[in-house]
Amino acid sequence: MTTNLEKTFIHFLKENQRLVHKICRIYTDNVQDHEDLFQEITIQLWKSFPGFKGEAKFSTWMYRVALNTAITLFKKPKKKDVQHSDIDISSLKIEYETYEDDEYKLKKMYKAIYELSDIEKALIMMYLEDKPYREIGEILGITEGNARVKMNRAKNNLKLKLNTK
């Protein structure tokens, strides 16, 4: 039997799951890792959901939890055991996206992004999402000014990586 909390969580996750897939795409380089990270982020979101007070937009809160999970997960050695959740995430899955238009350029860009630091990956992803610097700062827990400085550095690093490939 599904509770109201579960229904609310699933509704929010379905509305915002593309955001999680984008984070997974930037922090992983294959389908299996993408799916594993998606599942881990979903589990962490579910565990944290009772603490979501609605003081920020759900998408902002989701970004923070998802980015922290991705960064934390990939700093640790990979675990062999899989954690399970009471939420059935199979119904939430969007197929791992394949891109046919300008596939070479897109792969080159993702490869360059993948080589950035964890924070730079997050910054570039939010830049591509047209997030305002205020919201980027809020998600990362830094000031708006600091977000601007870090963003400029991340863009410069990305340009360097793209030009050397």
N, C-alpha and C. Protein backbone atom coordinates (compact mmCIF):
# COMPACT_ATOMS: atom_id res chain seq x y z
N MET A 1 0.85 -1.18 0.00
CA MET A 1 0.00 0.00 0.00
C MET A 1 0.89 1.24 0.00
N THR A 2 0.60 2.14 -0.91
CA THR A 2 1.41 3.35 -1.06
C THR A 2 0.87 4.45 -0.16
N THR A 3 1.75 5.09 0.60
CA THR A 3 1.36 6.18 1.48
C THR A 3 1.32 7.49 0.71
N ASN A 4 0.75 8.51 1.34
CA ASN A 4 0.74 9.84 0.72
C ASN A 4 2.16 10.37 0.51
N LEU A 5 3.03 10.10 1.47
CA LEU A 5 4.42 10.53 1.35
C LEU A 5 5.07 9.91 0.12
N GLU A 6 4.85 8.60 -0.08
CA GLU A 6 5.41 7.91 -1.24
C GLU A 6 4.82 8.47 -2.54
N LYS A 7 3.51 8.71 -2.55
CA LYS A 7 2.86 9.26 -3.75
C LYS A 7 3.42 10.64 -4.09
N THR A 8 3.60 11.46 -3.08
CA THR A 8 4.15 12.81 -3.28
C THR A 8 5.57 12.71 -3.81
N PHE A 9 6.38 11.85 -3.19
CA PHE A 9 7.77 11.67 -3.61
C PHE A 9 7.83 11.21 -5.07
N ILE A 10 7.06 10.20 -5.42
CA ILE A 10 7.07 9.67 -6.78
C ILE A 10 6.63 10.74 -7.78
N HIS A 11 5.64 11.52 -7.41
CA HIS A 11 5.18 12.62 -8.28
C HIS A 11 6.30 13.62 -8.53
N PHE A 12 6.96 14.07 -7.48
CA PHE A 12 8.06 15.03 -7.61
C PHE A 12 9.22 14.42 -8.42
N LEU A 13 9.54 13.16 -8.13
CA LEU A 13 10.65 12.52 -8.83
C LEU A 13 10.34 12.36 -10.32
N LYS A 14 9.13 11.96 -10.64
CA LYS A 14 8.77 11.82 -12.06
C LYS A 14 8.87 13.15 -12.78
N GLU A 15 8.45 14.23 -12.13
CA GLU A 15 8.51 15.55 -12.75
C GLU A 15 9.94 16.03 -12.96
N ASN A 16 10.86 15.59 -12.14
CA ASN A 16 12.23 16.11 -12.15
C ASN A 16 13.30 15.07 -12.47
N GLN A 17 12.92 13.88 -12.91
CA GLN A 17 13.91 12.82 -13.10
C GLN A 17 14.91 13.10 -14.20
N ARG A 18 14.57 13.92 -15.18
CA ARG A 18 15.54 14.26 -16.23
C ARG A 18 16.77 14.93 -15.63
N LEU A 19 16.55 15.71 -14.60
CA LEU A 19 17.65 16.36 -13.89
C LEU A 19 18.60 15.31 -13.31
N VAL A 20 18.05 14.28 -12.71
CA VAL A 20 18.87 13.22 -12.14
C VAL A 20 19.63 12.49 -13.25
N HIS A 21 18.97 12.24 -14.37
CA HIS A 21 19.65 11.57 -15.48
C HIS A 21 20.79 12.42 -16.03
N LYS A 22 20.62 13.73 -16.05
CA LYS A 22 21.70 14.60 -16.52
C LYS A 22 22.90 14.54 -15.58
N ILE A 23 22.63 14.53 -14.30
CA ILE A 23 23.71 14.40 -13.34
C ILE A 23 24.42 13.05 -13.54
N CYS A 24 23.64 12.01 -13.71
CA CYS A 24 24.23 10.68 -13.93
C CYS A 24 25.07 10.66 -15.21
N ARG A 25 24.60 11.33 -16.23
CA ARG A 25 25.33 11.35 -17.51
C ARG A 25 26.68 12.04 -17.35
N ILE A 26 26.72 13.07 -16.55
CA ILE A 26 27.96 13.82 -16.39
C ILE A 26 28.95 13.09 -15.47
N TYR A 27 28.46 12.35 -14.50
CA TYR A 27 29.35 11.70 -13.54
C TYR A 27 29.67 10.24 -13.89
N THR A 28 29.08 9.71 -14.96
CA THR A 28 29.37 8.33 -15.35
C THR A 28 29.72 8.29 -16.84
N ASP A 29 30.33 7.19 -17.24
CA ASP A 29 30.68 7.08 -18.65
C ASP A 29 30.19 5.80 -19.31
N ASN A 30 29.26 5.09 -18.63
CA ASN A 30 28.65 3.91 -19.25
C ASN A 30 27.26 3.68 -18.67
N VAL A 31 26.50 2.87 -19.37
CA VAL A 31 25.09 2.65 -19.02
C VAL A 31 24.93 2.05 -17.63
N GLN A 32 25.74 1.04 -17.30
CA GLN A 32 25.60 0.37 -16.00
C GLN A 32 25.85 1.34 -14.84
N ASP A 33 26.93 2.12 -14.93
CA ASP A 33 27.21 3.10 -13.87
C ASP A 33 26.11 4.16 -13.80
N HIS A 34 25.59 4.56 -14.97
CA HIS A 34 24.50 5.54 -15.02
C HIS A 34 23.30 5.01 -14.24
N GLU A 35 22.93 3.77 -14.53
CA GLU A 35 21.77 3.17 -13.85
C GLU A 35 22.02 3.00 -12.35
N ASP A 36 23.23 2.58 -12.00
CA ASP A 36 23.57 2.42 -10.58
C ASP A 36 23.50 3.77 -9.85
N LEU A 37 24.06 4.80 -10.47
CA LEU A 37 24.04 6.12 -9.84
C LEU A 37 22.61 6.65 -9.75
N PHE A 38 21.81 6.44 -10.78
CA PHE A 38 20.41 6.87 -10.74
C PHE A 38 19.70 6.21 -9.55
N GLN A 39 19.93 4.91 -9.39
CA GLN A 39 19.29 4.20 -8.27
C GLN A 39 19.79 4.74 -6.93
N GLU A 40 21.09 4.96 -6.80
CA GLU A 40 21.64 5.46 -5.53
C GLU A 40 21.10 6.86 -5.21
N ILE A 41 21.01 7.71 -6.23
CA ILE A 41 20.46 9.06 -6.01
C ILE A 41 19.01 8.96 -5.59
N THR A 42 18.26 8.09 -6.23
CA THR A 42 16.84 7.91 -5.88
C THR A 42 16.70 7.45 -4.43
N ILE A 43 17.54 6.53 -4.03
CA ILE A 43 17.51 6.04 -2.65
C ILE A 43 17.82 7.18 -1.68
N GLN A 44 18.86 7.95 -1.98
CA GLN A 44 19.22 9.07 -1.10
C GLN A 44 18.13 10.13 -1.06
N LEU A 45 17.51 10.39 -2.21
CA LEU A 45 16.39 11.35 -2.23
C LEU A 45 15.24 10.85 -1.35
N TRP A 46 14.93 9.56 -1.46
CA TRP A 46 13.85 8.99 -0.67
C TRP A 46 14.16 9.06 0.82
N LYS A 47 15.40 8.71 1.18
CA LYS A 47 15.79 8.77 2.60
C LYS A 47 15.72 10.20 3.14
N SER A 48 16.05 11.17 2.29
CA SER A 48 16.08 12.58 2.71
C SER A 48 14.73 13.27 2.59
N PHE A 49 13.82 12.68 1.85
CA PHE A 49 12.55 13.35 1.55
C PHE A 49 11.75 13.78 2.77
N PRO A 50 11.68 12.97 3.83
CA PRO A 50 10.92 13.43 5.00
C PRO A 50 11.46 14.75 5.58
N GLY A 51 12.73 15.05 5.33
CA GLY A 51 13.33 16.30 5.81
C GLY A 51 13.13 17.48 4.87
N PHE A 52 12.56 17.23 3.68
CA PHE A 52 12.32 18.31 2.73
C PHE A 52 11.18 19.17 3.26
N LYS A 53 11.49 20.43 3.54
CA LYS A 53 10.50 21.33 4.16
C LYS A 53 9.84 22.27 3.17
N GLY A 54 10.29 22.25 1.93
CA GLY A 54 9.70 23.13 0.93
C GLY A 54 10.20 24.56 1.02
N GLU A 55 11.28 24.79 1.77
CA GLU A 55 11.83 26.15 1.88
C GLU A 55 12.50 26.57 0.58
N ALA A 56 13.02 25.60 -0.18
CA ALA A 56 13.57 25.83 -1.51
C ALA A 56 12.69 25.06 -2.49
N LYS A 57 12.86 25.34 -3.77
CA LYS A 57 12.12 24.57 -4.77
C LYS A 57 12.58 23.12 -4.68
N PHE A 58 11.68 22.21 -5.01
CA PHE A 58 12.03 20.78 -4.97
C PHE A 58 13.22 20.51 -5.88
N SER A 59 13.24 21.12 -7.08
CA SER A 59 14.34 20.87 -8.01
C SER A 59 15.68 21.34 -7.44
N THR A 60 15.68 22.44 -6.71
CA THR A 60 16.91 22.93 -6.08
C THR A 60 17.39 21.95 -5.02
N TRP A 61 16.47 21.51 -4.19
CA TRP A 61 16.78 20.54 -3.15
C TRP A 61 17.27 19.24 -3.79
N MET A 62 16.60 18.81 -4.85
CA MET A 62 16.95 17.58 -5.54
C MET A 62 18.36 17.66 -6.13
N TYR A 63 18.68 18.80 -6.75
CA TYR A 63 20.02 19.02 -7.29
C TYR A 63 21.06 18.81 -6.21
N ARG A 64 20.83 19.43 -5.06
CA ARG A 64 21.82 19.36 -3.98
C ARG A 64 22.02 17.91 -3.53
N VAL A 65 20.95 17.19 -3.28
CA VAL A 65 21.06 15.80 -2.84
C VAL A 65 21.71 14.95 -3.93
N ALA A 66 21.28 15.13 -5.18
CA ALA A 66 21.81 14.32 -6.28
C ALA A 66 23.30 14.60 -6.52
N LEU A 67 23.68 15.86 -6.51
CA LEU A 67 25.10 16.19 -6.71
C LEU A 67 25.95 15.67 -5.57
N ASN A 68 25.50 15.86 -4.35
CA ASN A 68 26.26 15.36 -3.20
C ASN A 68 26.41 13.84 -3.26
N THR A 69 25.35 13.16 -3.69
CA THR A 69 25.41 11.70 -3.81
C THR A 69 26.40 11.30 -4.89
N ALA A 70 26.34 11.95 -6.04
CA ALA A 70 27.25 11.62 -7.15
C ALA A 70 28.70 11.88 -6.75
N ILE A 71 28.94 13.00 -6.15
CA ILE A 71 30.31 13.36 -5.75
C ILE A 71 30.83 12.40 -4.69
N THR A 72 30.01 12.11 -3.70
CA THR A 72 30.40 11.21 -2.61
C THR A 72 30.62 9.79 -3.12
N LEU A 73 29.72 9.32 -3.97
CA LEU A 73 29.79 7.95 -4.46
C LEU A 73 31.05 7.72 -5.28
N PHE A 74 31.45 8.69 -6.07
CA PHE A 74 32.61 8.49 -6.92
C PHE A 74 33.93 8.85 -6.26
N LYS A 75 33.88 9.32 -5.04
CA LYS A 75 35.12 9.51 -4.28
C LYS A 75 35.47 8.24 -3.51
N LYS A 76 34.45 7.41 -3.26
CA LYS A 76 34.66 6.16 -2.53
C LYS A 76 34.99 5.05 -3.52
N PRO A 77 35.68 4.00 -3.05
CA PRO A 77 35.85 2.84 -3.92
C PRO A 77 34.47 2.25 -4.21
N LYS A 78 34.29 1.69 -5.39
CA LYS A 78 32.99 1.16 -5.77
C LYS A 78 32.60 0.01 -4.85
N LYS A 79 31.34 0.02 -4.44
CA LYS A 79 30.82 -1.04 -3.58
C LYS A 79 30.24 -2.14 -4.46
N LYS A 80 30.34 -3.34 -4.00
CA LYS A 80 29.78 -4.48 -4.73
C LYS A 80 28.33 -4.73 -4.34
N ASP A 81 27.97 -4.39 -3.11
CA ASP A 81 26.61 -4.63 -2.67
C ASP A 81 25.68 -3.52 -3.15
N VAL A 82 24.44 -3.87 -3.41
CA VAL A 82 23.46 -2.91 -3.89
C VAL A 82 22.46 -2.64 -2.78
N GLN A 83 22.22 -1.38 -2.51
CA GLN A 83 21.22 -1.03 -1.50
C GLN A 83 19.84 -1.08 -2.14
N HIS A 84 18.85 -1.39 -1.34
CA HIS A 84 17.49 -1.48 -1.86
C HIS A 84 16.61 -0.45 -1.19
N SER A 85 15.58 -0.06 -1.91
CA SER A 85 14.63 0.92 -1.42
C SER A 85 13.24 0.33 -1.47
N ASP A 86 12.35 0.86 -0.68
CA ASP A 86 10.96 0.43 -0.71
C ASP A 86 10.25 0.98 -1.95
N ILE A 87 10.82 2.00 -2.58
CA ILE A 87 10.21 2.61 -3.76
C ILE A 87 10.62 1.83 -4.99
N ASP A 88 9.66 1.50 -5.83
CA ASP A 88 9.95 0.81 -7.09
C ASP A 88 10.35 1.85 -8.12
N ILE A 89 11.66 1.94 -8.41
CA ILE A 89 12.12 2.98 -9.32
C ILE A 89 12.05 2.55 -10.77
N SER A 90 11.72 1.29 -11.03
CA SER A 90 11.67 0.84 -12.42
C SER A 90 10.61 1.60 -13.21
N SER A 91 9.55 2.02 -12.56
CA SER A 91 8.51 2.77 -13.25
C SER A 91 8.93 4.21 -13.53
N LEU A 92 10.02 4.66 -12.93
CA LEU A 92 10.47 6.04 -13.09
C LEU A 92 11.54 6.17 -14.16
N LYS A 93 12.04 5.07 -14.66
CA LYS A 93 13.21 5.09 -15.52
C LYS A 93 12.91 5.66 -16.90
N ILE A 94 13.75 6.59 -17.32
CA ILE A 94 13.75 7.05 -18.70
C ILE A 94 14.91 6.31 -19.34
N GLU A 95 14.73 5.78 -20.49
CA GLU A 95 15.82 5.06 -21.13
C GLU A 95 17.05 5.93 -21.22
N TYR A 96 18.20 5.34 -21.02
CA TYR A 96 19.47 6.03 -21.14
C TYR A 96 19.50 6.65 -22.54
N GLU A 97 19.63 7.95 -22.56
CA GLU A 97 19.47 8.68 -23.82
C GLU A 97 20.61 8.41 -24.78
N THR A 98 20.24 8.21 -26.04
CA THR A 98 21.25 8.14 -27.08
C THR A 98 21.01 9.33 -27.99
N TYR A 99 22.06 9.91 -28.42
CA TYR A 99 21.97 11.10 -29.24
C TYR A 99 22.50 10.78 -30.63
N GLU A 100 21.72 11.06 -31.63
CA GLU A 100 22.14 10.78 -32.99
C GLU A 100 22.62 12.04 -33.69
N ASP A 101 22.04 13.19 -33.39
CA ASP A 101 22.46 14.44 -34.02
C ASP A 101 23.76 14.90 -33.40
N ASP A 102 24.73 15.14 -34.25
CA ASP A 102 26.04 15.59 -33.80
C ASP A 102 26.59 14.72 -32.67
N GLU A 103 26.40 13.43 -32.84
CA GLU A 103 26.81 12.50 -31.78
C GLU A 103 28.29 12.63 -31.44
N TYR A 104 29.13 12.82 -32.42
CA TYR A 104 30.57 12.96 -32.18
C TYR A 104 30.86 14.16 -31.28
N LYS A 105 30.26 15.30 -31.61
CA LYS A 105 30.49 16.52 -30.82
C LYS A 105 29.98 16.35 -29.40
N LEU A 106 28.82 15.73 -29.29
CA LEU A 106 28.24 15.53 -27.96
C LEU A 106 29.11 14.60 -27.12
N LYS A 107 29.59 13.52 -27.73
CA LYS A 107 30.46 12.59 -27.00
C LYS A 107 31.75 13.30 -26.58
N LYS A 108 32.28 14.12 -27.46
CA LYS A 108 33.50 14.87 -27.17
C LYS A 108 33.26 15.81 -25.99
N MET A 109 32.09 16.49 -26.00
CA MET A 109 31.78 17.40 -24.91
C MET A 109 31.63 16.65 -23.59
N TYR A 110 30.88 15.55 -23.59
CA TYR A 110 30.69 14.78 -22.36
C TYR A 110 32.01 14.21 -21.86
N LYS A 111 32.87 13.78 -22.78
CA LYS A 111 34.18 13.27 -22.37
C LYS A 111 34.99 14.38 -21.69
N ALA A 112 34.94 15.58 -22.25
CA ALA A 112 35.65 16.72 -21.65
C ALA A 112 35.04 17.07 -20.29
N ILE A 113 33.73 17.08 -20.20
CA ILE A 113 33.07 17.37 -18.92
C ILE A 113 33.44 16.31 -17.89
N TYR A 114 33.47 15.06 -18.31
CA TYR A 114 33.80 13.95 -17.41
C TYR A 114 35.18 14.12 -16.79
N GLU A 115 36.08 14.78 -17.51
CA GLU A 115 37.45 14.99 -17.03
C GLU A 115 37.58 16.17 -16.06
N LEU A 116 36.53 16.97 -15.92
CA LEU A 116 36.57 18.10 -15.00
C LEU A 116 36.48 17.61 -13.56
N SER A 117 36.78 18.50 -12.62
CA SER A 117 36.62 18.16 -11.20
C SER A 117 35.13 18.00 -10.90
N ASP A 118 34.82 17.40 -9.78
CA ASP A 118 33.42 17.17 -9.40
C ASP A 118 32.62 18.47 -9.36
N ILE A 119 33.19 19.49 -8.76
CA ILE A 119 32.49 20.77 -8.64
C ILE A 119 32.31 21.41 -10.01
N GLU A 120 33.35 21.33 -10.84
CA GLU A 120 33.25 21.90 -12.19
C GLU A 120 32.18 21.19 -13.02
N LYS A 121 32.07 19.88 -12.87
CA LYS A 121 31.02 19.13 -13.55
C LYS A 121 29.64 19.68 -13.17
N ALA A 122 29.45 19.85 -11.87
CA ALA A 122 28.17 20.36 -11.37
C ALA A 122 27.90 21.76 -11.91
N LEU A 123 28.90 22.60 -11.90
CA LEU A 123 28.74 23.98 -12.39
C LEU A 123 28.36 24.00 -13.87
N ILE A 124 29.08 23.23 -14.68
CA ILE A 124 28.80 23.20 -16.12
C ILE A 124 27.40 22.67 -16.37
N MET A 125 27.02 21.63 -15.64
CA MET A 125 25.67 21.08 -15.83
C MET A 125 24.61 22.12 -15.52
N MET A 126 24.78 22.84 -14.44
CA MET A 126 23.78 23.85 -14.07
C MET A 126 23.81 25.03 -15.05
N TYR A 127 24.98 25.35 -15.58
CA TYR A 127 25.09 26.38 -16.61
C TYR A 127 24.30 25.96 -17.85
N LEU A 128 24.46 24.71 -18.25
CA LEU A 128 23.73 24.20 -19.41
C LEU A 128 22.22 24.16 -19.17
N GLU A 129 21.84 24.11 -17.90
CA GLU A 129 20.42 24.13 -17.52
C GLU A 129 19.89 25.55 -17.38
N ASP A 130 20.74 26.55 -17.62
CA ASP A 130 20.37 27.97 -17.49
C ASP A 130 19.95 28.35 -16.07
N LYS A 131 20.59 27.72 -15.09
CA LYS A 131 20.30 28.07 -13.70
C LYS A 131 20.93 29.42 -13.40
N PRO A 132 20.23 30.29 -12.70
CA PRO A 132 20.83 31.58 -12.31
C PRO A 132 21.91 31.35 -11.25
N TYR A 133 22.88 32.26 -11.20
CA TYR A 133 24.00 32.11 -10.26
C TYR A 133 23.52 32.05 -8.81
N ARG A 134 22.46 32.75 -8.50
CA ARG A 134 21.90 32.71 -7.15
C ARG A 134 21.50 31.28 -6.79
N GLU A 135 20.81 30.60 -7.71
CA GLU A 135 20.36 29.23 -7.45
C GLU A 135 21.55 28.25 -7.44
N ILE A 136 22.51 28.48 -8.32
CA ILE A 136 23.71 27.64 -8.34
C ILE A 136 24.42 27.74 -6.98
N GLY A 137 24.57 28.95 -6.49
CA GLY A 137 25.19 29.14 -5.18
C GLY A 137 24.41 28.44 -4.09
N GLU A 138 23.09 28.55 -4.15
CA GLU A 138 22.24 27.90 -3.14
C GLU A 138 22.40 26.39 -3.17
N ILE A 139 22.42 25.82 -4.37
CA ILE A 139 22.56 24.37 -4.51
C ILE A 139 23.91 23.90 -3.98
N LEU A 140 24.96 24.63 -4.30
CA LEU A 140 26.32 24.22 -3.90
C LEU A 140 26.71 24.72 -2.51
N GLY A 141 25.88 25.57 -1.92
CA GLY A 141 26.20 26.08 -0.58
C GLY A 141 27.31 27.11 -0.60
N ILE A 142 27.36 27.92 -1.68
CA ILE A 142 28.36 28.98 -1.79
C ILE A 142 27.64 30.28 -2.15
N THR A 143 28.35 31.39 -2.11
CA THR A 143 27.73 32.67 -2.43
C THR A 143 27.55 32.79 -3.94
N GLU A 144 26.68 33.69 -4.34
CA GLU A 144 26.44 33.94 -5.76
C GLU A 144 27.73 34.40 -6.45
N GLY A 145 28.47 35.28 -5.79
CA GLY A 145 29.74 35.76 -6.35
C GLY A 145 30.75 34.64 -6.53
N ASN A 146 30.83 33.76 -5.55
CA ASN A 146 31.74 32.63 -5.63
C ASN A 146 31.31 31.69 -6.76
N ALA A 147 30.00 31.54 -6.94
CA ALA A 147 29.49 30.70 -8.03
C ALA A 147 29.92 31.27 -9.39
N ARG A 148 29.88 32.59 -9.53
CA ARG A 148 30.31 33.24 -10.78
C ARG A 148 31.79 32.99 -11.06
N VAL A 149 32.61 33.15 -10.05
CA VAL A 149 34.05 32.95 -10.20
C VAL A 149 34.35 31.49 -10.58
N LYS A 150 33.75 30.57 -9.83
CA LYS A 150 33.98 29.15 -10.10
C LYS A 150 33.46 28.76 -11.48
N MET A 151 32.34 29.37 -11.89
CA MET A 151 31.78 29.08 -13.21
C MET A 151 32.73 29.52 -14.31
N ASN A 152 33.30 30.70 -14.18
CA ASN A 152 34.24 31.17 -15.20
C ASN A 152 35.44 30.24 -15.30
N ARG A 153 35.95 29.80 -14.17
CA ARG A 153 37.07 28.86 -14.18
C ARG A 153 36.69 27.54 -14.82
N ALA A 154 35.49 27.06 -14.50
CA ALA A 154 35.02 25.78 -15.06
C ALA A 154 34.86 25.89 -16.58
N LYS A 155 34.29 27.00 -17.04
CA LYS A 155 34.12 27.19 -18.49
C LYS A 155 35.47 27.25 -19.19
N ASN A 156 36.42 27.94 -18.58
CA ASN A 156 37.76 28.02 -19.18
C ASN A 156 38.43 26.64 -19.22
N ASN A 157 38.30 25.88 -18.16
CA ASN A 157 38.86 24.52 -18.14
C ASN A 157 38.21 23.64 -19.20
N LEU A 158 36.90 23.77 -19.36
CA LEU A 158 36.19 22.98 -20.36
C LEU A 158 36.65 23.37 -21.76
N LYS A 159 36.80 24.67 -22.01
CA LYS A 159 37.28 25.12 -23.32
C LYS A 159 38.66 24.55 -23.61
N LEU A 160 39.54 24.57 -22.62
CA LEU A 160 40.88 24.02 -22.80
C LEU A 160 40.82 22.52 -23.15
N LYS A 161 39.99 21.78 -22.43
CA LYS A 161 39.88 20.35 -22.69
C LYS A 161 39.30 20.08 -24.08
N LEU A 162 38.33 20.88 -24.50
CA LEU A 162 37.73 20.69 -25.82
C LEU A 162 38.70 21.05 -26.94
N ASN A 163 39.54 22.05 -26.71
CA ASN A 163 40.48 22.48 -27.74
C ASN A 163 41.70 21.58 -27.85
N THR A 164 41.95 20.76 -26.83
CA THR A 164 43.11 19.87 -26.88
C THR A 164 42.74 18.48 -27.37
N LYS A 165 41.51 18.25 -27.65
CA LYS A 165 41.04 16.92 -28.09
C LYS A 165 41.02 16.84 -29.60
